[in-house]
Amino acid sequence: MAFEVPRGGRKYLVAKGSVALEGVSLTVASIRGREATIALIPFTLQHTTLGQARAGVRLNLEYDILAKYVEALLQSGKHGEEDKEQD
């Protein structure tokens, strides 16, 4: 299954990383530009709402929280350097 990543969201995805669609935790198979793909097994299709998903339908997308933590740490590091310069 392929899906379009909202603007600004690409930075939170990595191949073989985690993403959740409609609350289902999945592994990102590949990323190309703003399109990401996931591999769905029959069990997942049968036991989640993803089996009814159709092209053009909006789905809830949640990024792996670890990516957001890394971003926050990198930003706090930048701010930390600025704070040292001001002291």
N, C-alpha and C. Protein backbone atom coordinates (compact mmCIF):
# COMPACT_ATOMS: atom_id res chain seq x y z
N MET A 1 0.85 -1.17 0.00
CA MET A 1 0.00 0.00 0.00
C MET A 1 0.90 1.23 0.00
N ALA A 2 0.58 2.17 -0.85
CA ALA A 2 1.33 3.43 -0.92
C ALA A 2 0.45 4.54 -0.36
N PHE A 3 1.08 5.54 0.24
CA PHE A 3 0.35 6.69 0.74
C PHE A 3 1.21 7.93 0.60
N GLU A 4 0.54 9.07 0.46
CA GLU A 4 1.24 10.34 0.34
C GLU A 4 1.48 10.91 1.74
N VAL A 5 2.70 11.35 1.95
CA VAL A 5 3.09 11.93 3.24
C VAL A 5 2.80 13.42 3.21
N PRO A 6 2.14 13.96 4.23
CA PRO A 6 1.88 15.40 4.25
C PRO A 6 3.17 16.21 4.19
N ARG A 7 3.06 17.43 3.68
CA ARG A 7 4.24 18.32 3.63
C ARG A 7 4.86 18.43 5.02
N GLY A 8 6.18 18.36 5.06
CA GLY A 8 6.90 18.48 6.32
C GLY A 8 7.01 17.17 7.08
N GLY A 9 6.31 16.14 6.65
CA GLY A 9 6.32 14.87 7.37
C GLY A 9 7.39 13.90 6.90
N ARG A 10 7.95 14.14 5.73
CA ARG A 10 8.94 13.21 5.16
C ARG A 10 10.13 13.02 6.09
N LYS A 11 10.51 14.06 6.80
CA LYS A 11 11.69 13.99 7.68
C LYS A 11 11.51 13.01 8.83
N TYR A 12 10.27 12.63 9.13
CA TYR A 12 10.01 11.70 10.23
C TYR A 12 9.97 10.24 9.79
N LEU A 13 10.15 9.98 8.50
CA LEU A 13 10.07 8.61 8.00
C LEU A 13 11.42 8.11 7.53
N VAL A 14 11.69 6.86 7.81
CA VAL A 14 12.87 6.18 7.28
C VAL A 14 12.45 4.78 6.85
N ALA A 15 13.09 4.28 5.81
CA ALA A 15 12.81 2.92 5.38
C ALA A 15 13.13 1.96 6.52
N LYS A 16 12.27 1.02 6.74
CA LYS A 16 12.34 0.03 7.81
C LYS A 16 12.00 0.61 9.18
N GLY A 17 11.60 1.88 9.20
CA GLY A 17 11.16 2.51 10.44
C GLY A 17 9.68 2.27 10.65
N SER A 18 9.16 2.81 11.73
CA SER A 18 7.76 2.60 12.09
C SER A 18 6.89 3.79 11.73
N VAL A 19 5.65 3.48 11.42
CA VAL A 19 4.62 4.48 11.16
C VAL A 19 3.30 3.83 11.55
N ALA A 20 2.32 4.62 11.91
CA ALA A 20 1.00 4.06 12.20
C ALA A 20 -0.01 4.67 11.24
N LEU A 21 -0.80 3.82 10.62
CA LEU A 21 -1.91 4.24 9.78
C LEU A 21 -3.18 3.73 10.41
N GLU A 22 -4.12 4.65 10.67
CA GLU A 22 -5.38 4.27 11.31
C GLU A 22 -5.15 3.51 12.62
N GLY A 23 -4.08 3.87 13.33
CA GLY A 23 -3.79 3.26 14.62
C GLY A 23 -3.07 1.93 14.54
N VAL A 24 -2.75 1.49 13.33
CA VAL A 24 -2.07 0.20 13.15
C VAL A 24 -0.58 0.47 12.94
N SER A 25 0.24 -0.08 13.82
CA SER A 25 1.68 0.11 13.71
C SER A 25 2.22 -0.74 12.57
N LEU A 26 2.97 -0.09 11.68
CA LEU A 26 3.46 -0.76 10.47
C LEU A 26 4.91 -0.38 10.21
N THR A 27 5.55 -1.13 9.34
CA THR A 27 6.93 -0.85 8.94
C THR A 27 6.93 -0.21 7.57
N VAL A 28 7.69 0.87 7.43
CA VAL A 28 7.82 1.55 6.14
C VAL A 28 8.69 0.68 5.24
N ALA A 29 8.16 0.31 4.08
CA ALA A 29 8.92 -0.53 3.15
C ALA A 29 9.85 0.32 2.29
N SER A 30 9.34 1.45 1.79
CA SER A 30 10.17 2.33 0.96
C SER A 30 9.60 3.74 0.99
N ILE A 31 10.46 4.67 0.58
CA ILE A 31 10.06 6.07 0.51
C ILE A 31 10.62 6.64 -0.79
N ARG A 32 9.79 7.36 -1.50
CA ARG A 32 10.22 8.02 -2.73
C ARG A 32 9.53 9.38 -2.78
N GLY A 33 10.29 10.41 -2.52
CA GLY A 33 9.69 11.74 -2.47
C GLY A 33 8.72 11.80 -1.31
N ARG A 34 7.48 12.19 -1.60
CA ARG A 34 6.46 12.25 -0.56
C ARG A 34 5.57 11.01 -0.55
N GLU A 35 5.96 9.97 -1.28
CA GLU A 35 5.20 8.73 -1.27
C GLU A 35 5.94 7.66 -0.48
N ALA A 36 5.25 7.06 0.45
CA ALA A 36 5.81 5.97 1.24
C ALA A 36 4.97 4.72 0.99
N THR A 37 5.59 3.57 1.11
CA THR A 37 4.87 2.32 0.95
C THR A 37 5.05 1.47 2.20
N ILE A 38 4.04 0.68 2.47
CA ILE A 38 4.08 -0.30 3.55
C ILE A 38 3.63 -1.62 2.97
N ALA A 39 4.10 -2.70 3.53
CA ALA A 39 3.66 -4.03 3.09
C ALA A 39 2.61 -4.52 4.09
N LEU A 40 1.48 -4.93 3.58
CA LEU A 40 0.40 -5.40 4.43
C LEU A 40 0.22 -6.91 4.24
N ILE A 41 0.18 -7.63 5.34
CA ILE A 41 -0.04 -9.07 5.28
C ILE A 41 -1.55 -9.34 5.36
N PRO A 42 -1.99 -10.49 4.89
CA PRO A 42 -3.42 -10.80 4.91
C PRO A 42 -4.07 -10.64 6.28
N PHE A 43 -3.41 -11.04 7.35
CA PHE A 43 -3.98 -10.92 8.69
C PHE A 43 -4.33 -9.47 9.00
N THR A 44 -3.40 -8.55 8.69
CA THR A 44 -3.62 -7.13 8.95
C THR A 44 -4.79 -6.61 8.13
N LEU A 45 -4.87 -7.01 6.88
CA LEU A 45 -5.97 -6.57 6.02
C LEU A 45 -7.31 -7.07 6.53
N GLN A 46 -7.34 -8.27 7.07
CA GLN A 46 -8.59 -8.86 7.55
C GLN A 46 -9.02 -8.34 8.92
N HIS A 47 -8.08 -7.95 9.76
CA HIS A 47 -8.40 -7.61 11.14
C HIS A 47 -8.28 -6.12 11.47
N THR A 48 -8.09 -5.28 10.47
CA THR A 48 -8.06 -3.83 10.67
C THR A 48 -8.91 -3.16 9.60
N THR A 49 -9.07 -1.86 9.72
CA THR A 49 -9.83 -1.13 8.71
C THR A 49 -9.02 -0.88 7.44
N LEU A 50 -7.75 -1.22 7.45
CA LEU A 50 -6.92 -0.98 6.27
C LEU A 50 -7.36 -1.80 5.06
N GLY A 51 -8.02 -2.92 5.31
CA GLY A 51 -8.53 -3.74 4.22
C GLY A 51 -9.61 -3.03 3.41
N GLN A 52 -10.25 -2.03 3.99
CA GLN A 52 -11.29 -1.27 3.28
C GLN A 52 -10.78 0.06 2.73
N ALA A 53 -9.52 0.38 2.96
CA ALA A 53 -8.97 1.65 2.49
C ALA A 53 -8.95 1.69 0.97
N ARG A 54 -9.28 2.83 0.42
CA ARG A 54 -9.33 3.01 -1.03
C ARG A 54 -8.53 4.24 -1.42
N ALA A 55 -8.07 4.27 -2.66
CA ALA A 55 -7.29 5.40 -3.18
C ALA A 55 -8.05 6.70 -2.99
N GLY A 56 -7.35 7.72 -2.54
CA GLY A 56 -7.95 9.03 -2.36
C GLY A 56 -8.58 9.27 -1.01
N VAL A 57 -8.75 8.22 -0.21
CA VAL A 57 -9.35 8.36 1.12
C VAL A 57 -8.26 8.78 2.11
N ARG A 58 -8.58 9.76 2.93
CA ARG A 58 -7.62 10.24 3.93
C ARG A 58 -7.55 9.26 5.09
N LEU A 59 -6.35 8.97 5.53
CA LEU A 59 -6.12 8.08 6.66
C LEU A 59 -5.37 8.84 7.75
N ASN A 60 -5.56 8.42 8.99
CA ASN A 60 -4.82 9.00 10.09
C ASN A 60 -3.39 8.46 10.05
N LEU A 61 -2.42 9.36 10.05
CA LEU A 61 -1.01 8.99 9.99
C LEU A 61 -0.33 9.48 11.25
N GLU A 62 0.39 8.59 11.91
CA GLU A 62 1.17 8.96 13.09
C GLU A 62 2.61 8.53 12.87
N TYR A 63 3.52 9.47 13.11
CA TYR A 63 4.94 9.19 12.94
C TYR A 63 5.50 8.53 14.19
N ASP A 64 6.59 7.83 14.00
CA ASP A 64 7.28 7.19 15.11
C ASP A 64 7.74 8.28 16.09
N ILE A 65 7.41 8.13 17.34
CA ILE A 65 7.74 9.14 18.34
C ILE A 65 9.25 9.31 18.49
N LEU A 66 10.02 8.27 18.21
CA LEU A 66 11.48 8.38 18.31
C LEU A 66 12.02 9.46 17.38
N ALA A 67 11.45 9.57 16.19
CA ALA A 67 11.89 10.61 15.25
C ALA A 67 11.65 11.99 15.83
N LYS A 68 10.55 12.17 16.50
CA LYS A 68 10.25 13.47 17.10
C LYS A 68 11.18 13.76 18.28
N TYR A 69 11.53 12.73 19.04
CA TYR A 69 12.49 12.92 20.13
C TYR A 69 13.86 13.32 19.59
N VAL A 70 14.29 12.67 18.53
CA VAL A 70 15.59 13.00 17.94
C VAL A 70 15.57 14.45 17.46
N GLU A 71 14.50 14.84 16.79
CA GLU A 71 14.39 16.22 16.32
C GLU A 71 14.46 17.19 17.50
N ALA A 72 13.75 16.90 18.57
CA ALA A 72 13.76 17.78 19.75
C ALA A 72 15.16 17.85 20.36
N LEU A 73 15.84 16.74 20.42
CA LEU A 73 17.21 16.74 20.97
C LEU A 73 18.15 17.57 20.11
N LEU A 74 18.03 17.42 18.80
CA LEU A 74 18.88 18.19 17.91
C LEU A 74 18.59 19.68 18.03
N GLN A 75 17.33 20.04 18.16
CA GLN A 75 16.97 21.44 18.31
C GLN A 75 17.43 21.98 19.66
N SER A 76 17.32 21.18 20.70
CA SER A 76 17.77 21.66 22.02
C SER A 76 19.29 21.80 22.03
N GLY A 77 19.98 20.98 21.27
CA GLY A 77 21.43 21.12 21.16
C GLY A 77 21.81 22.42 20.51
N LYS A 78 21.07 22.81 19.47
CA LYS A 78 21.33 24.09 18.81
C LYS A 78 21.07 25.24 19.77
N HIS A 79 19.99 25.14 20.52
CA HIS A 79 19.66 26.20 21.48
C HIS A 79 20.68 26.23 22.61
N GLY A 80 21.18 25.06 22.98
CA GLY A 80 22.18 24.99 24.04
C GLY A 80 23.45 25.72 23.65
N GLU A 81 23.86 25.59 22.38
CA GLU A 81 25.04 26.30 21.91
C GLU A 81 24.80 27.80 21.92
N GLU A 82 23.59 28.21 21.53
CA GLU A 82 23.26 29.63 21.55
C GLU A 82 23.28 30.16 22.97
N ASP A 83 22.77 29.37 23.93
CA ASP A 83 22.74 29.79 25.32
C ASP A 83 24.16 29.99 25.85
N LYS A 84 25.09 29.10 25.47
CA LYS A 84 26.47 29.22 25.93
C LYS A 84 27.11 30.52 25.42
N GLU A 85 26.80 30.86 24.16
CA GLU A 85 27.38 32.07 23.57
C GLU A 85 26.89 33.32 24.28
N GLN A 86 25.64 33.29 24.79
CA GLN A 86 25.08 34.46 25.43
C GLN A 86 25.59 34.64 26.86
N ASP A 87 26.09 33.56 27.48
CA ASP A 87 26.56 33.65 28.88
C ASP A 87 27.85 34.43 29.00
